[in-house]
Amino acid sequence: MKKLSARRRHPLAAVVVLLLALLFSGGLYAVFAPTSKAEADETAQSLTIEEGKKLYSVGCASCHGTGGQGTSDGPSLVGVGAAAVDFQVGTGRMPAATSQGPQVPKKKNIYSQAEIDQLAAYIASLGAGPAIPTEEQYGPQGADIAKGGELFRTNCAQCHNFTGKGGALTHGKYAPDLEGVSPKHIYEAMETGPQNMPSFPDTTLSEKNKKDIIAYLDAVNSSKSESPGGLELGGLGPVSEGLFGWIFGLGGLIAVAVWVAARTAKARKS
């Protein structure tokens, strides 16, 4: 016991105990301490970009170039942003067919949303551009449907028709039907201007304006809504409805007038 007590009183005993305590506490911290949130997010983003680069190399590089710089078969993707990728790939327009026509049509999507997010992250890493909008930006909460209708008729109806049914453009191009299109994709289309559509950044149409337009389209194209004007002939607008009135309405009046004149002449003869 005396020998053990003497060892405990050794001058280096306290230093040894302190070092052991530091090693023990440091080991526990290394095992149980959480990784920094910023570092974790950065690592996850890097992995997402890396996976997106792999998908890009397989499905996109042949047209857009190995680094997104563009080729004779496809435009540059540097600076288009994640929103453009989410729209084009999410609606099935990309990857496009080998033999492209005047306009790339919407078709069945071949990528999952997770893969689209990876592709979008990789393209966004090539250059700054519009980001994928959040539900708060395109959701119906706080939207003004009447204002949205006014904005849509002013900026969009020339091509998409006043209820968003779409319409023909020049050289085989067309404005697609907007019924059933995801609110997120409508927002992204306004933000990025795909195909022949002009872009409407926040400096042209504010975030609130876009939300209002989306709410208007949802209201007029809802399956539960009814046309206040009665039969709408597919919502194709006043031209088709006016043509219907001229052909059938005026034609019916002429037929009635001919019938009345024939009956009157017959009555006079008899």
C-alpha atoms as a PDB file:
ATOM      1  CA  MET A   1       0.000   0.000   0.000  1.00  0.00           C
ATOM      2  CA  LYS A   2       2.868   2.361   0.815  1.00  0.00           C
ATOM      3  CA  LYS A   3       4.439   1.674  -2.617  1.00  0.00           C
ATOM      4  CA  LEU A   4       1.138   2.354  -4.416  1.00  0.00           C
ATOM      5  CA  SER A   5       0.611   5.564  -2.453  1.00  0.00           C
ATOM      6  CA  ALA A   6       4.091   6.682  -3.367  1.00  0.00           C
ATOM      7  CA  ARG A   7       3.439   6.140  -7.077  1.00  0.00           C
ATOM      8  CA  ARG A   8       0.262   8.191  -6.886  1.00  0.00           C
ATOM      9  CA  ARG A   9       2.239  11.058  -5.420  1.00  0.00           C
ATOM     10  CA  HIS A  10       4.758  10.923  -8.292  1.00  0.00           C
ATOM     11  CA  PRO A  11       5.174  14.409  -9.923  1.00  0.00           C
ATOM     12  CA  LEU A  12       4.197  13.083 -13.369  1.00  0.00           C
ATOM     13  CA  ALA A  13       1.061  11.305 -12.148  1.00  0.00           C
ATOM     14  CA  ALA A  14      -1.148  14.378 -12.604  1.00  0.00           C
ATOM     15  CA  VAL A  15       0.167  14.947 -16.135  1.00  0.00           C
ATOM     16  CA  VAL A  16      -0.471  11.330 -17.088  1.00  0.00           C
ATOM     17  CA  VAL A  17      -4.019  11.445 -15.708  1.00  0.00           C
ATOM     18  CA  LEU A  18      -4.712  14.705 -17.577  1.00  0.00           C
ATOM     19  CA  LEU A  19      -3.450  13.250 -20.868  1.00  0.00           C
ATOM     20  CA  LEU A  20      -5.569  10.125 -20.433  1.00  0.00           C
ATOM     21  CA  ALA A  21      -8.620  12.262 -19.670  1.00  0.00           C
ATOM     22  CA  LEU A  22      -8.034  14.407 -22.792  1.00  0.00           C
ATOM     23  CA  LEU A  23      -7.583  11.338 -24.993  1.00  0.00           C
ATOM     24  CA  PHE A  24     -10.749   9.767 -23.591  1.00  0.00           C
ATOM     25  CA  SER A  25     -12.888  12.896 -23.995  1.00  0.00           C
ATOM     26  CA  GLY A  26     -11.479  13.560 -27.495  1.00  0.00           C
ATOM     27  CA  GLY A  27     -12.276  10.025 -28.572  1.00  0.00           C
ATOM     28  CA  LEU A  28     -15.839  10.315 -27.306  1.00  0.00           C
ATOM     29  CA  TYR A  29     -16.305  13.616 -29.132  1.00  0.00           C
ATOM     30  CA  ALA A  30     -14.966  12.194 -32.406  1.00  0.00           C
ATOM     31  CA  VAL A  31     -17.377   9.263 -32.154  1.00  0.00           C
ATOM     32  CA  PHE A  32     -20.545  11.017 -31.013  1.00  0.00           C
ATOM     33  CA  ALA A  33     -20.196  14.671 -32.105  1.00  0.00           C
ATOM     34  CA  PRO A  34     -22.363  15.518 -35.194  1.00  0.00           C
ATOM     35  CA  THR A  35     -20.720  16.714 -38.387  1.00  0.00           C
ATOM     36  CA  SER A  36     -21.046  20.418 -39.087  1.00  0.00           C
ATOM     37  CA  LYS A  37     -24.312  21.128 -40.959  1.00  0.00           C
ATOM     38  CA  ALA A  38     -22.500  23.308 -43.478  1.00  0.00           C
ATOM     39  CA  GLU A  39     -19.962  20.587 -44.162  1.00  0.00           C
ATOM     40  CA  ALA A  40     -22.698  17.954 -44.464  1.00  0.00           C
ATOM     41  CA  ASP A  41     -24.676  20.106 -46.890  1.00  0.00           C
ATOM     42  CA  GLU A  42     -21.582  20.810 -48.955  1.00  0.00           C
ATOM     43  CA  THR A  43     -20.728  17.119 -49.124  1.00  0.00           C
ATOM     44  CA  ALA A  44     -24.288  16.181 -50.122  1.00  0.00           C
ATOM     45  CA  GLN A  45     -24.337  18.884 -52.812  1.00  0.00           C
ATOM     46  CA  SER A  46     -21.002  17.669 -54.189  1.00  0.00           C
ATOM     47  CA  LEU A  47     -22.317  14.110 -54.392  1.00  0.00           C
ATOM     48  CA  THR A  48     -25.491  15.340 -56.128  1.00  0.00           C
ATOM     49  CA  ILE A  49     -23.454  17.268 -58.693  1.00  0.00           C
ATOM     50  CA  GLU A  50     -21.208  14.264 -59.288  1.00  0.00           C
ATOM     51  CA  GLU A  51     -24.208  11.977 -59.901  1.00  0.00           C
ATOM     52  CA  GLY A  52     -25.729  14.606 -62.178  1.00  0.00           C
ATOM     53  CA  LYS A  53     -22.524  14.777 -64.181  1.00  0.00           C
ATOM     54  CA  LYS A  54     -22.691  11.008 -64.755  1.00  0.00           C
ATOM     55  CA  LEU A  55     -26.306  11.251 -65.970  1.00  0.00           C
ATOM     56  CA  TYR A  56     -25.379  14.200 -68.184  1.00  0.00           C
ATOM     57  CA  SER A  57     -22.495  12.295 -69.790  1.00  0.00           C
ATOM     58  CA  VAL A  58     -24.851   9.467 -70.768  1.00  0.00           C
ATOM     59  CA  GLY A  59     -27.983  11.343 -71.846  1.00  0.00           C
ATOM     60  CA  CYS A  60     -27.028  14.918 -72.746  1.00  0.00           C
ATOM     61  CA  ALA A  61     -23.354  15.315 -73.701  1.00  0.00           C
ATOM     62  CA  SER A  62     -23.789  14.043 -77.264  1.00  0.00           C
ATOM     63  CA  CYS A  63     -25.809  17.162 -78.151  1.00  0.00           C
ATOM     64  CA  HIS A  64     -24.777  19.757 -75.567  1.00  0.00           C
ATOM     65  CA  GLY A  65     -21.066  18.953 -75.336  1.00  0.00           C
ATOM     66  CA  THR A  66     -19.054  17.253 -72.617  1.00  0.00           C
ATOM     67  CA  GLY A  67     -18.902  20.441 -70.547  1.00  0.00           C
ATOM     68  CA  GLY A  68     -22.281  21.898 -71.485  1.00  0.00           C
ATOM     69  CA  GLN A  69     -20.654  24.303 -73.941  1.00  0.00           C
ATOM     70  CA  GLY A  70     -23.065  23.337 -76.733  1.00  0.00           C
ATOM     71  CA  THR A  71     -22.566  21.851 -80.194  1.00  0.00           C
ATOM     72  CA  SER A  72     -24.186  22.171 -83.605  1.00  0.00           C
ATOM     73  CA  ASP A  73     -26.885  19.777 -82.351  1.00  0.00           C
ATOM     74  CA  GLY A  74     -27.684  21.551 -79.099  1.00  0.00           C
ATOM     75  CA  PRO A  75     -27.301  24.945 -77.406  1.00  0.00           C
ATOM     76  CA  SER A  76     -24.943  25.784 -74.564  1.00  0.00           C
ATOM     77  CA  LEU A  77     -26.282  25.022 -71.090  1.00  0.00           C
ATOM     78  CA  VAL A  78     -23.847  27.270 -69.235  1.00  0.00           C
ATOM     79  CA  GLY A  79     -25.924  29.742 -67.241  1.00  0.00           C
ATOM     80  CA  VAL A  80     -29.381  28.335 -68.086  1.00  0.00           C
ATOM     81  CA  GLY A  81     -29.894  27.390 -64.447  1.00  0.00           C
ATOM     82  CA  ALA A  82     -31.566  24.523 -62.626  1.00  0.00           C
ATOM     83  CA  ALA A  83     -35.109  25.690 -63.444  1.00  0.00           C
ATOM     84  CA  ALA A  84     -34.587  25.213 -67.190  1.00  0.00           C
ATOM     85  CA  VAL A  85     -33.347  21.658 -66.636  1.00  0.00           C
ATOM     86  CA  ASP A  86     -36.235  20.809 -64.320  1.00  0.00           C
ATOM     87  CA  PHE A  87     -38.725  22.072 -66.923  1.00  0.00           C
ATOM     88  CA  GLN A  88     -37.194  20.549 -70.048  1.00  0.00           C
ATOM     89  CA  VAL A  89     -36.406  17.152 -68.517  1.00  0.00           C
ATOM     90  CA  GLY A  90     -39.433  17.074 -66.214  1.00  0.00           C
ATOM     91  CA  THR A  91     -41.844  17.552 -69.125  1.00  0.00           C
ATOM     92  CA  GLY A  92     -40.065  14.934 -71.239  1.00  0.00           C
ATOM     93  CA  ARG A  93     -38.960  17.426 -73.878  1.00  0.00           C
ATOM     94  CA  MET A  94     -35.385  16.439 -73.155  1.00  0.00           C
ATOM     95  CA  PRO A  95     -33.666  14.278 -74.171  1.00  0.00           C
ATOM     96  CA  ALA A  96     -35.002  15.243 -77.585  1.00  0.00           C
ATOM     97  CA  ALA A  97     -35.401  12.882 -80.526  1.00  0.00           C
ATOM     98  CA  THR A  98     -32.489  12.600 -82.946  1.00  0.00           C
ATOM     99  CA  SER A  99     -34.418  14.215 -85.797  1.00  0.00           C
ATOM    100  CA  GLN A 100     -35.857  17.394 -84.347  1.00  0.00           C
ATOM    101  CA  GLY A 101     -38.790  19.162 -85.947  1.00  0.00           C
ATOM    102  CA  PRO A 102     -39.689  22.837 -85.662  1.00  0.00           C
ATOM    103  CA  GLN A 103     -40.464  22.374 -81.965  1.00  0.00           C
ATOM    104  CA  VAL A 104     -39.644  19.752 -79.348  1.00  0.00           C
ATOM    105  CA  PRO A 105     -42.957  18.305 -78.083  1.00  0.00           C
ATOM    106  CA  LYS A 106     -43.861  17.282 -74.546  1.00  0.00           C
ATOM    107  CA  LYS A 107     -43.630  13.525 -74.021  1.00  0.00           C
ATOM    108  CA  LYS A 108     -43.393  10.869 -71.327  1.00  0.00           C
ATOM    109  CA  ASN A 109     -40.620  11.590 -68.855  1.00  0.00           C
ATOM    110  CA  ILE A 110     -37.852   8.963 -68.563  1.00  0.00           C
ATOM    111  CA  TYR A 111     -36.059  10.359 -65.494  1.00  0.00           C
ATOM    112  CA  SER A 112     -37.117  10.233 -61.849  1.00  0.00           C
ATOM    113  CA  GLN A 113     -37.394  13.488 -59.910  1.00  0.00           C
ATOM    114  CA  ALA A 114     -34.256  12.580 -57.954  1.00  0.00           C
ATOM    115  CA  GLU A 115     -32.309  12.169 -61.216  1.00  0.00           C
ATOM    116  CA  ILE A 116     -33.721  15.453 -62.543  1.00  0.00           C
ATOM    117  CA  ASP A 117     -32.541  17.194 -59.377  1.00  0.00           C
ATOM    118  CA  GLN A 118     -29.065  15.728 -59.886  1.00  0.00           C
ATOM    119  CA  LEU A 119     -28.933  16.882 -63.508  1.00  0.00           C
ATOM    120  CA  ALA A 120     -30.184  20.323 -62.481  1.00  0.00           C
ATOM    121  CA  ALA A 121     -27.537  20.589 -59.769  1.00  0.00           C
ATOM    122  CA  TYR A 122     -24.777  19.747 -62.256  1.00  0.00           C
ATOM    123  CA  ILE A 123     -25.979  22.267 -64.861  1.00  0.00           C
ATOM    124  CA  ALA A 124     -26.375  24.916 -62.151  1.00  0.00           C
ATOM    125  CA  SER A 125     -22.740  24.322 -61.189  1.00  0.00           C
ATOM    126  CA  LEU A 126     -21.642  25.339 -64.708  1.00  0.00           C
ATOM    127  CA  GLY A 127     -23.009  28.871 -64.362  1.00  0.00           C
ATOM    128  CA  ALA A 128     -25.528  30.927 -62.414  1.00  0.00           C
ATOM    129  CA  GLY A 129     -29.142  30.817 -63.632  1.00  0.00           C
ATOM    130  CA  PRO A 130     -32.754  30.637 -62.401  1.00  0.00           C
ATOM    131  CA  ALA A 131     -33.197  28.163 -59.551  1.00  0.00           C
ATOM    132  CA  ILE A 132     -36.018  25.633 -59.234  1.00  0.00           C
ATOM    133  CA  PRO A 133     -38.946  27.483 -57.600  1.00  0.00           C
ATOM    134  CA  THR A 134     -40.379  26.454 -54.249  1.00  0.00           C
ATOM    135  CA  GLU A 135     -44.031  25.624 -53.610  1.00  0.00           C
ATOM    136  CA  GLU A 136     -44.359  28.928 -51.783  1.00  0.00           C
ATOM    137  CA  GLN A 137     -43.533  30.748 -55.026  1.00  0.00           C
ATOM    138  CA  TYR A 138     -46.083  29.010 -57.275  1.00  0.00           C
ATOM    139  CA  GLY A 139     -48.682  27.814 -54.729  1.00  0.00           C
ATOM    140  CA  PRO A 140     -52.221  29.282 -54.682  1.00  0.00           C
ATOM    141  CA  GLN A 141     -51.907  30.856 -51.223  1.00  0.00           C
ATOM    142  CA  GLY A 142     -52.432  34.608 -51.441  1.00  0.00           C
ATOM    143  CA  ALA A 143     -52.911  34.648 -55.228  1.00  0.00           C
ATOM    144  CA  ASP A 144     -55.236  37.121 -56.976  1.00  0.00           C
ATOM    145  CA  ILE A 145     -57.082  35.214 -59.719  1.00  0.00           C
ATOM    146  CA  ALA A 146     -58.626  38.333 -61.272  1.00  0.00           C
ATOM    147  CA  LYS A 147     -55.230  40.042 -61.501  1.00  0.00           C
ATOM    148  CA  GLY A 148     -53.779  36.841 -62.916  1.00  0.00           C
ATOM    149  CA  GLY A 149     -56.398  36.819 -65.666  1.00  0.00           C
ATOM    150  CA  GLU A 150     -55.581  40.406 -66.557  1.00  0.00           C
ATOM    151  CA  LEU A 151     -51.854  39.650 -66.699  1.00  0.00           C
ATOM    152  CA  PHE A 152     -52.392  36.473 -68.727  1.00  0.00           C
ATOM    153  CA  ARG A 153     -54.572  38.207 -71.329  1.00  0.00           C
ATOM    154  CA  THR A 154     -51.988  40.978 -71.628  1.00  0.00           C
ATOM    155  CA  ASN A 155     -48.831  38.862 -71.850  1.00  0.00           C
ATOM    156  CA  CYS A 156     -49.759  35.306 -72.814  1.00  0.00           C
ATOM    157  CA  ALA A 157     -53.135  35.077 -74.583  1.00  0.00           C
ATOM    158  CA  GLN A 158     -51.708  36.113 -77.963  1.00  0.00           C
ATOM    159  CA  CYS A 159     -50.105  32.667 -78.220  1.00  0.00           C
ATOM    160  CA  HIS A 160     -51.753  30.441 -75.621  1.00  0.00           C
ATOM    161  CA  ASN A 161     -55.341  31.670 -76.120  1.00  0.00           C
ATOM    162  CA  PHE A 162     -57.212  33.485 -73.375  1.00  0.00           C
ATOM    163  CA  THR A 163     -57.928  30.269 -71.430  1.00  0.00           C
ATOM    164  CA  GLY A 164     -54.560  28.637 -72.082  1.00  0.00           C
ATOM    165  CA  LYS A 165     -55.792  26.151 -74.686  1.00  0.00           C
ATOM    166  CA  GLY A 166     -52.781  26.824 -76.914  1.00  0.00           C
ATOM    167  CA  GLY A 167     -52.569  27.877 -80.535  1.00  0.00           C
ATOM    168  CA  ALA A 168     -50.651  27.677 -83.795  1.00  0.00           C
ATOM    169  CA  LEU A 169     -47.564  29.780 -84.521  1.00  0.00           C
ATOM    170  CA  THR A 170     -45.478  30.245 -87.656  1.00  0.00           C
ATOM    171  CA  HIS A 171     -43.312  27.651 -89.434  1.00  0.00           C
ATOM    172  CA  GLY A 172     -44.903  24.624 -87.783  1.00  0.00           C
ATOM    173  CA  LYS A 173     -44.406  25.891 -84.234  1.00  0.00           C
ATOM    174  CA  TYR A 174     -47.157  26.148 -81.646  1.00  0.00           C
ATOM    175  CA  ALA A 175     -47.994  27.351 -78.157  1.00  0.00           C
ATOM    176  CA  PRO A 176     -48.906  24.251 -76.098  1.00  0.00           C
ATOM    177  CA  ASP A 177     -52.113  23.671 -74.178  1.00  0.00           C
ATOM    178  CA  LEU A 178     -51.594  24.647 -70.525  1.00  0.00           C
ATOM    179  CA  GLU A 179     -54.375  22.512 -69.090  1.00  0.00           C
ATOM    180  CA  GLY A 180     -52.999  19.910 -66.691  1.00  0.00           C
ATOM    181  CA  VAL A 181     -49.480  21.391 -66.676  1.00  0.00           C
ATOM    182  CA  SER A 182     -47.814  21.415 -63.260  1.00  0.00           C
ATOM    183  CA  PRO A 183     -47.814  24.856 -61.557  1.00  0.00           C
ATOM    184  CA  LYS A 184     -44.072  24.435 -60.993  1.00  0.00           C
ATOM    185  CA  HIS A 185     -43.459  23.876 -64.702  1.00  0.00           C
ATOM    186  CA  ILE A 186     -45.609  26.890 -65.635  1.00  0.00           C
ATOM    187  CA  TYR A 187     -43.553  29.037 -63.259  1.00  0.00           C
ATOM    188  CA  GLU A 188     -40.301  27.660 -64.701  1.00  0.00           C
ATOM    189  CA  ALA A 189     -41.505  28.309 -68.254  1.00  0.00           C
ATOM    190  CA  MET A 190     -42.210  31.946 -67.419  1.00  0.00           C
ATOM    191  CA  GLU A 191     -38.839  32.237 -65.699  1.00  0.00           C
ATOM    192  CA  THR A 192     -36.719  30.600 -68.424  1.00  0.00           C
ATOM    193  CA  GLY A 193     -38.641  31.092 -71.712  1.00  0.00           C
ATOM    194  CA  PRO A 194     -38.436  27.647 -73.350  1.00  0.00           C
ATOM    195  CA  GLN A 195     -38.842  27.045 -77.091  1.00  0.00           C
ATOM    196  CA  ASN A 196     -40.325  30.157 -78.740  1.00  0.00           C
ATOM    197  CA  MET A 197     -41.663  31.613 -75.509  1.00  0.00           C
ATOM    198  CA  PRO A 198     -40.109  34.846 -74.211  1.00  0.00           C
ATOM    199  CA  SER A 199     -38.774  34.781 -70.653  1.00  0.00           C
ATOM    200  CA  PHE A 200     -40.468  36.759 -67.888  1.00  0.00           C
ATOM    201  CA  PRO A 201     -37.900  37.303 -65.099  1.00  0.00           C
ATOM    202  CA  ASP A 202     -38.876  39.047 -61.890  1.00  0.00           C
ATOM    203  CA  THR A 203     -37.965  42.385 -63.445  1.00  0.00           C
ATOM    204  CA  THR A 204     -40.757  41.853 -66.007  1.00  0.00           C
ATOM    205  CA  LEU A 205     -43.284  39.787 -64.057  1.00  0.00           C
ATOM    206  CA  SER A 206     -42.770  39.700 -60.321  1.00  0.00           C
ATOM    207  CA  GLU A 207     -42.978  36.515 -58.283  1.00  0.00           C
ATOM    208  CA  LYS A 208     -46.463  37.578 -57.145  1.00  0.00           C
ATOM    209  CA  ASN A 209     -47.532  38.194 -60.770  1.00  0.00           C
ATOM    210  CA  LYS A 210     -46.466  34.678 -61.758  1.00  0.00           C
ATOM    211  CA  LYS A 211     -48.364  33.223 -58.802  1.00  0.00           C
ATOM    212  CA  ASP A 212     -51.491  35.148 -59.890  1.00  0.00           C
ATOM    213  CA  ILE A 213     -51.249  33.862 -63.480  1.00  0.00           C
ATOM    214  CA  ILE A 214     -50.861  30.272 -62.299  1.00  0.00           C
ATOM    215  CA  ALA A 215     -53.906  30.650 -60.036  1.00  0.00           C
ATOM    216  CA  TYR A 216     -55.928  32.026 -62.978  1.00  0.00           C
ATOM    217  CA  LEU A 217     -54.991  29.110 -65.221  1.00  0.00           C
ATOM    218  CA  ASP A 218     -55.911  26.658 -62.489  1.00  0.00           C
ATOM    219  CA  ALA A 219     -59.304  28.355 -62.110  1.00  0.00           C
ATOM    220  CA  VAL A 220     -60.233  28.418 -65.815  1.00  0.00           C
ATOM    221  CA  ASN A 221     -58.957  24.905 -66.525  1.00  0.00           C
ATOM    222  CA  SER A 222     -60.315  23.237 -63.420  1.00  0.00           C
ATOM    223  CA  SER A 223     -62.609  20.310 -64.205  1.00  0.00           C
ATOM    224  CA  LYS A 224     -65.064  21.607 -61.616  1.00  0.00           C
ATOM    225  CA  SER A 225     -65.418  25.035 -63.150  1.00  0.00           C
ATOM    226  CA  GLU A 226     -68.137  25.847 -65.669  1.00  0.00           C
ATOM    227  CA  SER A 227     -68.022  28.433 -68.401  1.00  0.00           C
ATOM    228  CA  PRO A 228     -70.210  31.395 -67.385  1.00  0.00           C
ATOM    229  CA  GLY A 229     -70.982  31.982 -71.066  1.00  0.00           C
ATOM    230  CA  GLY A 230     -72.403  28.538 -71.732  1.00  0.00           C
ATOM    231  CA  LEU A 231     -70.956  26.389 -74.514  1.00  0.00           C
ATOM    232  CA  GLU A 232     -67.382  27.481 -75.099  1.00  0.00           C
ATOM    233  CA  LEU A 233     -66.404  25.435 -78.192  1.00  0.00           C
ATOM    234  CA  GLY A 234     -63.326  24.133 -76.416  1.00  0.00           C
ATOM    235  CA  GLY A 235     -62.364  27.554 -75.129  1.00  0.00           C
ATOM    236  CA  LEU A 236     -60.704  28.364 -78.451  1.00  0.00           C
ATOM    237  CA  GLY A 237     -61.681  32.000 -78.231  1.00  0.00           C
ATOM    238  CA  PRO A 238     -63.846  34.593 -79.983  1.00  0.00           C
ATOM    239  CA  VAL A 239     -62.598  33.785 -83.508  1.00  0.00           C
ATOM    240  CA  SER A 240     -63.895  30.222 -83.517  1.00  0.00           C
ATOM    241  CA  GLU A 241     -67.065  31.208 -81.667  1.00  0.00           C
ATOM    242  CA  GLY A 242     -67.650  34.092 -84.067  1.00  0.00           C
ATOM    243  CA  LEU A 243     -67.110  31.784 -87.047  1.00  0.00           C
ATOM    244  CA  PHE A 244     -69.616  29.354 -85.571  1.00  0.00           C
ATOM    245  CA  GLY A 245     -72.109  32.220 -85.213  1.00  0.00           C
ATOM    246  CA  TRP A 246     -71.612  33.340 -88.831  1.00  0.00           C
ATOM    247  CA  ILE A 247     -71.894  29.863 -90.342  1.00  0.00           C
ATOM    248  CA  PHE A 248     -74.687  28.375 -88.278  1.00  0.00           C
ATOM    249  CA  GLY A 249     -76.412  31.436 -86.848  1.00  0.00           C
ATOM    250  CA  LEU A 250     -76.452  33.581 -89.983  1.00  0.00           C
ATOM    251  CA  GLY A 251     -76.848  30.484 -92.151  1.00  0.00           C
ATOM    252  CA  GLY A 252     -79.899  29.467 -90.128  1.00  0.00           C
ATOM    253  CA  LEU A 253     -81.414  32.943 -90.492  1.00  0.00           C
ATOM    254  CA  ILE A 254     -80.893  32.846 -94.278  1.00  0.00           C
ATOM    255  CA  ALA A 255     -82.509  29.413 -94.448  1.00  0.00           C
ATOM    256  CA  VAL A 256     -85.513  30.660 -92.478  1.00  0.00           C
ATOM    257  CA  ALA A 257     -85.778  33.749 -94.698  1.00  0.00           C
ATOM    258  CA  VAL A 258     -85.701  31.587 -97.859  1.00  0.00           C
ATOM    259  CA  TRP A 259     -88.332  29.270 -96.420  1.00  0.00           C
ATOM    260  CA  VAL A 260     -90.604  32.214 -95.480  1.00  0.00           C
ATOM    261  CA  ALA A 261     -90.187  33.780 -98.937  1.00  0.00           C
ATOM    262  CA  ALA A 262     -90.967  30.461-100.646  1.00  0.00           C
ATOM    263  CA  ARG A 263     -94.088  29.971 -98.512  1.00  0.00           C
ATOM    264  CA  THR A 264     -95.226  33.542 -99.203  1.00  0.00           C
ATOM    265  CA  ALA A 265     -94.763  33.163-102.965  1.00  0.00           C
ATOM    266  CA  LYS A 266     -96.622  29.841-102.929  1.00  0.00           C
ATOM    267  CA  ALA A 267     -99.461  31.393-100.942  1.00  0.00           C
ATOM    268  CA  ARG A 268     -99.771  34.249-103.429  1.00  0.00           C
ATOM    269  CA  LYS A 269     -99.944  31.872-106.375  1.00  0.00           C
ATOM    270  CA  SER A 270    -102.662  29.814-104.764  1.00  0.00           C
END
